[in-house]
N, C-alpha and C. Protein backbone atom coordinates (compact mmCIF):
# COMPACT_ATOMS: atom_id res chain seq x y z
N MET A 1 0.83 -1.19 0.00
CA MET A 1 0.00 0.00 0.00
C MET A 1 0.87 1.25 0.00
N LYS A 2 1.92 1.23 0.79
CA LYS A 2 2.77 2.41 0.92
C LYS A 2 3.38 2.78 -0.44
N LEU A 3 3.83 1.80 -1.20
CA LEU A 3 4.38 2.04 -2.53
C LEU A 3 3.35 2.74 -3.42
N ARG A 4 2.13 2.29 -3.36
CA ARG A 4 1.07 2.89 -4.17
C ARG A 4 0.77 4.31 -3.70
N GLU A 5 0.63 4.49 -2.39
CA GLU A 5 0.32 5.81 -1.84
C GLU A 5 1.39 6.84 -2.19
N GLU A 6 2.64 6.43 -2.13
CA GLU A 6 3.75 7.35 -2.38
C GLU A 6 3.93 7.68 -3.86
N ASN A 7 3.33 6.91 -4.73
CA ASN A 7 3.53 7.10 -6.16
C ASN A 7 2.26 7.39 -6.93
N LEU A 8 1.26 7.90 -6.25
CA LEU A 8 0.04 8.32 -6.93
C LEU A 8 0.34 9.56 -7.76
N SER A 9 -0.35 9.70 -8.84
CA SER A 9 -0.24 10.89 -9.67
C SER A 9 -0.67 12.10 -8.86
N ALA A 10 -0.13 13.26 -9.22
CA ALA A 10 -0.49 14.50 -8.52
C ALA A 10 -1.91 14.93 -8.82
N LYS A 11 -2.46 14.45 -9.92
CA LYS A 11 -3.80 14.91 -10.30
C LYS A 11 -4.87 14.33 -9.39
N ASP A 12 -5.95 15.05 -9.26
CA ASP A 12 -7.09 14.57 -8.49
C ASP A 12 -8.06 13.92 -9.48
N GLY A 13 -8.80 12.96 -9.03
CA GLY A 13 -9.71 12.26 -9.92
C GLY A 13 -9.00 11.16 -10.69
N LEU A 14 -8.34 10.28 -9.98
CA LEU A 14 -7.58 9.19 -10.60
C LEU A 14 -8.49 8.01 -10.93
N ASN A 15 -8.25 7.40 -12.08
CA ASN A 15 -8.96 6.18 -12.47
C ASN A 15 -7.97 5.03 -12.43
N VAL A 16 -8.33 4.01 -11.65
CA VAL A 16 -7.46 2.85 -11.44
C VAL A 16 -8.12 1.61 -12.02
N LEU A 17 -7.34 0.83 -12.76
CA LEU A 17 -7.77 -0.49 -13.22
C LEU A 17 -7.01 -1.50 -12.38
N ASP A 18 -7.72 -2.21 -11.51
CA ASP A 18 -7.13 -3.20 -10.62
C ASP A 18 -7.38 -4.57 -11.23
N VAL A 19 -6.37 -5.11 -11.89
CA VAL A 19 -6.50 -6.30 -12.73
C VAL A 19 -6.69 -7.58 -11.91
N TYR A 20 -6.19 -7.61 -10.69
CA TYR A 20 -6.40 -8.74 -9.77
C TYR A 20 -7.08 -8.18 -8.52
N HIS A 21 -8.33 -7.83 -8.64
CA HIS A 21 -9.03 -7.04 -7.63
C HIS A 21 -9.32 -7.79 -6.34
N GLY A 22 -9.66 -9.06 -6.42
CA GLY A 22 -10.05 -9.79 -5.21
C GLY A 22 -11.19 -9.07 -4.51
N LYS A 23 -11.04 -8.84 -3.23
CA LYS A 23 -12.05 -8.11 -2.46
C LYS A 23 -11.80 -6.61 -2.47
N GLY A 24 -10.77 -6.18 -3.18
CA GLY A 24 -10.51 -4.74 -3.32
C GLY A 24 -9.93 -4.06 -2.11
N LEU A 25 -9.32 -4.82 -1.20
CA LEU A 25 -8.88 -4.25 0.07
C LEU A 25 -7.74 -3.24 -0.08
N ILE A 26 -6.81 -3.47 -0.99
CA ILE A 26 -5.69 -2.53 -1.14
C ILE A 26 -6.20 -1.14 -1.50
N TRP A 27 -6.99 -1.06 -2.57
CA TRP A 27 -7.45 0.25 -3.01
C TRP A 27 -8.51 0.83 -2.09
N LYS A 28 -9.27 -0.02 -1.42
CA LYS A 28 -10.25 0.48 -0.44
C LYS A 28 -9.51 1.21 0.68
N ASN A 29 -8.41 0.65 1.14
CA ASN A 29 -7.62 1.29 2.20
C ASN A 29 -6.94 2.57 1.71
N ILE A 30 -6.43 2.56 0.49
CA ILE A 30 -5.79 3.76 -0.06
C ILE A 30 -6.81 4.88 -0.20
N ILE A 31 -7.97 4.56 -0.72
CA ILE A 31 -9.03 5.56 -0.86
C ILE A 31 -9.40 6.14 0.51
N GLY A 32 -9.47 5.27 1.52
CA GLY A 32 -9.81 5.72 2.87
C GLY A 32 -8.79 6.66 3.49
N GLN A 33 -7.53 6.56 3.05
CA GLN A 33 -6.47 7.39 3.63
C GLN A 33 -6.09 8.58 2.75
N SER A 34 -6.64 8.66 1.56
CA SER A 34 -6.25 9.70 0.62
C SER A 34 -7.31 10.80 0.55
N SER A 35 -6.85 12.01 0.29
CA SER A 35 -7.79 13.12 0.08
C SER A 35 -8.18 13.22 -1.39
N LYS A 36 -7.56 12.42 -2.25
CA LYS A 36 -7.84 12.43 -3.69
C LYS A 36 -9.11 11.66 -3.99
N LYS A 37 -9.74 12.03 -5.07
CA LYS A 37 -10.87 11.27 -5.60
C LYS A 37 -10.27 10.14 -6.44
N ILE A 38 -10.51 8.90 -6.05
CA ILE A 38 -9.96 7.74 -6.75
C ILE A 38 -11.10 6.80 -7.12
N ASN A 39 -11.22 6.51 -8.42
CA ASN A 39 -12.22 5.57 -8.92
C ASN A 39 -11.50 4.28 -9.29
N VAL A 40 -12.03 3.15 -8.87
CA VAL A 40 -11.39 1.87 -9.13
C VAL A 40 -12.35 0.95 -9.87
N LEU A 41 -11.86 0.35 -10.96
CA LEU A 41 -12.57 -0.73 -11.63
C LEU A 41 -11.74 -1.98 -11.42
N GLY A 42 -12.34 -2.98 -10.82
CA GLY A 42 -11.65 -4.22 -10.54
C GLY A 42 -12.05 -5.33 -11.49
N ILE A 43 -11.09 -6.23 -11.73
CA ILE A 43 -11.35 -7.44 -12.50
C ILE A 43 -10.89 -8.61 -11.64
N ASP A 44 -11.71 -9.64 -11.56
CA ASP A 44 -11.30 -10.85 -10.84
C ASP A 44 -12.10 -12.03 -11.35
N GLU A 45 -11.48 -13.21 -11.31
CA GLU A 45 -12.17 -14.42 -11.76
C GLU A 45 -13.27 -14.85 -10.81
N LYS A 46 -13.11 -14.52 -9.55
CA LYS A 46 -14.11 -14.89 -8.55
C LYS A 46 -15.06 -13.73 -8.34
N GLY A 47 -16.28 -14.04 -8.05
CA GLY A 47 -17.24 -13.00 -7.69
C GLY A 47 -17.33 -12.91 -6.19
N PHE A 48 -17.36 -11.72 -5.67
CA PHE A 48 -17.50 -11.53 -4.23
C PHE A 48 -18.78 -10.76 -3.96
N ASN A 49 -19.55 -11.22 -3.02
CA ASN A 49 -20.82 -10.58 -2.69
C ASN A 49 -20.58 -9.13 -2.27
N GLY A 50 -21.37 -8.24 -2.82
CA GLY A 50 -21.32 -6.84 -2.45
C GLY A 50 -20.21 -6.05 -3.12
N ILE A 51 -19.45 -6.67 -4.01
CA ILE A 51 -18.36 -5.97 -4.68
C ILE A 51 -18.69 -5.88 -6.16
N ILE A 52 -18.67 -4.67 -6.66
CA ILE A 52 -18.93 -4.45 -8.09
C ILE A 52 -17.60 -4.54 -8.82
N GLN A 53 -17.49 -5.48 -9.73
CA GLN A 53 -16.27 -5.67 -10.51
C GLN A 53 -16.60 -6.47 -11.75
N LEU A 54 -15.67 -6.47 -12.70
CA LEU A 54 -15.81 -7.34 -13.86
C LEU A 54 -15.39 -8.74 -13.44
N LYS A 55 -16.24 -9.71 -13.67
CA LYS A 55 -15.95 -11.08 -13.26
C LYS A 55 -15.55 -11.89 -14.50
N GLY A 56 -14.34 -12.44 -14.45
CA GLY A 56 -13.90 -13.28 -15.56
C GLY A 56 -12.40 -13.20 -15.77
N ASP A 57 -11.96 -13.70 -16.91
CA ASP A 57 -10.55 -13.77 -17.29
C ASP A 57 -10.04 -12.37 -17.63
N ASN A 58 -9.08 -11.89 -16.85
CA ASN A 58 -8.60 -10.52 -17.04
C ASN A 58 -7.94 -10.31 -18.41
N VAL A 59 -7.29 -11.33 -18.97
CA VAL A 59 -6.66 -11.19 -20.29
C VAL A 59 -7.73 -10.91 -21.35
N LYS A 60 -8.84 -11.61 -21.27
CA LYS A 60 -9.92 -11.40 -22.24
C LYS A 60 -10.48 -9.98 -22.14
N PHE A 61 -10.64 -9.48 -20.92
CA PHE A 61 -11.11 -8.11 -20.76
C PHE A 61 -10.08 -7.11 -21.29
N LEU A 62 -8.81 -7.32 -20.95
CA LEU A 62 -7.76 -6.38 -21.33
C LEU A 62 -7.59 -6.25 -22.84
N LYS A 63 -7.89 -7.30 -23.57
CA LYS A 63 -7.76 -7.27 -25.03
C LYS A 63 -8.71 -6.25 -25.66
N HIS A 64 -9.84 -6.01 -25.02
CA HIS A 64 -10.89 -5.21 -25.65
C HIS A 64 -11.22 -3.92 -24.92
N MET A 65 -10.49 -3.62 -23.86
CA MET A 65 -10.80 -2.42 -23.07
C MET A 65 -10.12 -1.19 -23.64
N ASP A 66 -10.76 -0.04 -23.44
CA ASP A 66 -10.13 1.24 -23.74
C ASP A 66 -9.32 1.62 -22.51
N LEU A 67 -8.01 1.44 -22.59
CA LEU A 67 -7.14 1.69 -21.44
C LEU A 67 -6.77 3.16 -21.29
N SER A 68 -7.15 3.99 -22.25
CA SER A 68 -6.78 5.41 -22.20
C SER A 68 -7.45 6.13 -21.03
N MET A 69 -8.49 5.57 -20.46
CA MET A 69 -9.18 6.24 -19.37
C MET A 69 -8.55 5.96 -18.00
N TYR A 70 -7.52 5.11 -17.95
CA TYR A 70 -6.92 4.74 -16.67
C TYR A 70 -5.58 5.44 -16.46
N ASP A 71 -5.43 6.02 -15.28
CA ASP A 71 -4.19 6.66 -14.89
C ASP A 71 -3.23 5.66 -14.26
N ILE A 72 -3.81 4.63 -13.65
CA ILE A 72 -3.04 3.61 -12.93
C ILE A 72 -3.58 2.25 -13.32
N ILE A 73 -2.65 1.31 -13.58
CA ILE A 73 -3.02 -0.09 -13.77
C ILE A 73 -2.25 -0.89 -12.73
N ASP A 74 -2.99 -1.62 -11.92
CA ASP A 74 -2.41 -2.39 -10.82
C ASP A 74 -2.52 -3.87 -11.14
N LEU A 75 -1.36 -4.54 -11.13
CA LEU A 75 -1.31 -5.99 -11.39
C LEU A 75 -0.68 -6.66 -10.17
N ASP A 76 -1.48 -6.90 -9.15
CA ASP A 76 -1.02 -7.51 -7.91
C ASP A 76 -1.34 -8.99 -7.98
N ALA A 77 -0.48 -9.74 -8.68
CA ALA A 77 -0.74 -11.14 -9.00
C ALA A 77 -0.03 -12.08 -8.02
N TYR A 78 -0.59 -13.26 -7.87
CA TYR A 78 0.12 -14.36 -7.23
C TYR A 78 0.85 -15.08 -8.35
N GLY A 79 2.02 -14.63 -8.67
CA GLY A 79 2.77 -15.19 -9.78
C GLY A 79 3.33 -14.07 -10.63
N ILE A 80 3.44 -14.32 -11.92
CA ILE A 80 4.02 -13.38 -12.86
C ILE A 80 2.93 -12.97 -13.86
N PRO A 81 2.53 -11.71 -13.86
CA PRO A 81 1.44 -11.28 -14.75
C PRO A 81 1.93 -11.00 -16.17
N PHE A 82 2.71 -11.91 -16.74
CA PHE A 82 3.31 -11.69 -18.05
C PHE A 82 2.28 -11.60 -19.16
N LYS A 83 1.32 -12.53 -19.21
CA LYS A 83 0.29 -12.48 -20.26
C LYS A 83 -0.51 -11.19 -20.19
N GLN A 84 -0.79 -10.75 -18.98
CA GLN A 84 -1.55 -9.53 -18.79
C GLN A 84 -0.76 -8.31 -19.29
N LEU A 85 0.53 -8.25 -18.94
CA LEU A 85 1.37 -7.13 -19.40
C LEU A 85 1.52 -7.15 -20.92
N GLU A 86 1.73 -8.32 -21.47
CA GLU A 86 1.85 -8.44 -22.92
C GLU A 86 0.58 -7.94 -23.61
N THR A 87 -0.56 -8.30 -23.06
CA THR A 87 -1.85 -7.88 -23.61
C THR A 87 -2.03 -6.37 -23.48
N ILE A 88 -1.69 -5.83 -22.31
CA ILE A 88 -1.81 -4.39 -22.08
C ILE A 88 -0.91 -3.61 -23.04
N PHE A 89 0.34 -4.05 -23.20
CA PHE A 89 1.29 -3.31 -24.04
C PHE A 89 0.95 -3.42 -25.53
N SER A 90 0.16 -4.41 -25.91
CA SER A 90 -0.26 -4.50 -27.31
C SER A 90 -1.59 -3.77 -27.55
N ASN A 91 -2.18 -3.24 -26.49
CA ASN A 91 -3.43 -2.49 -26.60
C ASN A 91 -3.07 -1.05 -26.98
N HIS A 92 -3.49 -0.62 -28.14
CA HIS A 92 -3.09 0.68 -28.68
C HIS A 92 -3.77 1.87 -28.00
N THR A 93 -4.63 1.60 -27.04
CA THR A 93 -5.29 2.70 -26.34
C THR A 93 -4.53 3.10 -25.07
N LEU A 94 -3.47 2.38 -24.73
CA LEU A 94 -2.70 2.65 -23.51
C LEU A 94 -1.99 4.00 -23.62
N LYS A 95 -2.09 4.82 -22.56
CA LYS A 95 -1.40 6.11 -22.52
C LYS A 95 0.03 5.92 -22.04
N LYS A 96 0.96 6.71 -22.59
CA LYS A 96 2.37 6.63 -22.18
C LYS A 96 2.56 6.95 -20.71
N GLU A 97 1.76 7.85 -20.18
CA GLU A 97 1.96 8.30 -18.80
C GLU A 97 1.25 7.43 -17.76
N THR A 98 0.72 6.30 -18.16
CA THR A 98 0.04 5.40 -17.22
C THR A 98 1.04 4.88 -16.18
N ILE A 99 0.63 4.89 -14.94
CA ILE A 99 1.45 4.37 -13.84
C ILE A 99 1.08 2.90 -13.64
N PHE A 100 2.11 2.05 -13.48
CA PHE A 100 1.89 0.63 -13.23
C PHE A 100 2.41 0.25 -11.85
N PHE A 101 1.63 -0.56 -11.16
CA PHE A 101 2.08 -1.23 -9.94
C PHE A 101 2.01 -2.72 -10.24
N ILE A 102 3.15 -3.40 -10.15
CA ILE A 102 3.22 -4.80 -10.56
C ILE A 102 3.82 -5.63 -9.44
N THR A 103 3.12 -6.69 -9.06
CA THR A 103 3.66 -7.67 -8.14
C THR A 103 4.12 -8.85 -8.98
N PHE A 104 5.36 -9.23 -8.80
CA PHE A 104 5.99 -10.29 -9.59
C PHE A 104 6.50 -11.32 -8.60
N ILE A 105 5.82 -12.47 -8.50
CA ILE A 105 6.21 -13.52 -7.57
C ILE A 105 6.65 -14.73 -8.38
N GLN A 106 7.95 -14.99 -8.36
CA GLN A 106 8.47 -16.14 -9.09
C GLN A 106 8.24 -17.39 -8.26
N GLN A 107 7.53 -18.35 -8.83
CA GLN A 107 7.18 -19.55 -8.07
C GLN A 107 7.49 -20.83 -8.83
N TYR A 108 8.41 -20.76 -9.77
CA TYR A 108 8.68 -21.91 -10.63
C TYR A 108 10.05 -22.52 -10.39
N HIS A 109 10.56 -22.49 -9.20
CA HIS A 109 11.88 -23.05 -8.88
C HIS A 109 12.95 -22.54 -9.83
N GLY A 110 12.97 -21.25 -10.07
CA GLY A 110 14.01 -20.63 -10.89
C GLY A 110 13.67 -20.46 -12.35
N ALA A 111 12.62 -21.07 -12.86
CA ALA A 111 12.30 -20.96 -14.28
C ALA A 111 11.37 -19.77 -14.55
N LEU A 112 11.60 -19.12 -15.67
CA LEU A 112 10.73 -18.05 -16.14
C LEU A 112 10.22 -18.43 -17.52
N GLN A 113 9.11 -17.82 -17.93
CA GLN A 113 8.57 -18.09 -19.26
C GLN A 113 9.61 -17.72 -20.32
N TYR A 114 9.77 -18.59 -21.33
CA TYR A 114 10.73 -18.35 -22.40
C TYR A 114 10.45 -17.03 -23.10
N LYS A 115 9.17 -16.74 -23.32
CA LYS A 115 8.82 -15.51 -24.02
C LYS A 115 9.25 -14.28 -23.21
N LEU A 116 9.11 -14.33 -21.90
CA LEU A 116 9.57 -13.25 -21.05
C LEU A 116 11.08 -13.08 -21.16
N LEU A 117 11.79 -14.19 -21.15
CA LEU A 117 13.25 -14.12 -21.29
C LEU A 117 13.65 -13.61 -22.67
N ASN A 118 12.88 -13.96 -23.69
CA ASN A 118 13.16 -13.43 -25.03
C ASN A 118 13.02 -11.92 -25.07
N TYR A 119 12.00 -11.38 -24.40
CA TYR A 119 11.83 -9.93 -24.35
C TYR A 119 13.03 -9.28 -23.68
N ALA A 120 13.57 -9.95 -22.69
CA ALA A 120 14.73 -9.42 -21.97
C ALA A 120 16.04 -9.78 -22.68
N ASN A 121 15.93 -10.45 -23.82
CA ASN A 121 17.08 -10.90 -24.61
C ASN A 121 18.01 -11.78 -23.77
N ALA A 122 17.41 -12.58 -22.89
CA ALA A 122 18.20 -13.42 -22.00
C ALA A 122 18.09 -14.90 -22.32
N PHE A 123 17.28 -15.24 -23.30
CA PHE A 123 17.09 -16.67 -23.61
C PHE A 123 17.44 -16.92 -25.07
N LYS A 124 18.32 -17.85 -25.29
CA LYS A 124 18.69 -18.24 -26.64
C LYS A 124 18.37 -19.74 -26.77
N PRO A 125 17.27 -20.08 -27.45
CA PRO A 125 16.90 -21.49 -27.55
C PRO A 125 17.99 -22.32 -28.23
N GLN A 126 18.18 -23.53 -27.75
CA GLN A 126 19.13 -24.47 -28.32
C GLN A 126 18.37 -25.42 -29.23
N TYR A 127 18.66 -25.43 -30.52
CA TYR A 127 17.97 -26.31 -31.46
C TYR A 127 18.88 -27.40 -31.91
C-alpha cells in the first residue's frame, strides 16, 4: 500500500484499473487514507458478494478495453502477470503516462517463461 500511496499521480480524480481485484482491500484502504478522488474498476475471476467488478478472465477483458481512461493499472498477482502485461502493451489505447504497480512472484523453482526471457534478450533457444 505504501508504494502505491507514495507514487500516486499528482492529479485529483484518478482512475485505477485493478486487474487482480479480489475483495478490493488494497485500493479500499488507499481511498480511505487519501484526500484524492480515486475511482477503481476491478477485474477478478471470482465474484465476491457486495463488490462491483468485472468477473472473468482478465486477459480477455484487457484485449478489448479502452485503457486510455486509466491513470493507474495495478497488477497484484500471485505469480508473474506476463500475459496480462503483454496484452496491455499490445493495446493501442494505452497512454504513455500510465502508472503501473506490478507484483511479480516467481514460483517456478528458478524458471521463467521463455517468451519473457526473449523480451529481456536473456534466452537463446538451443535447437
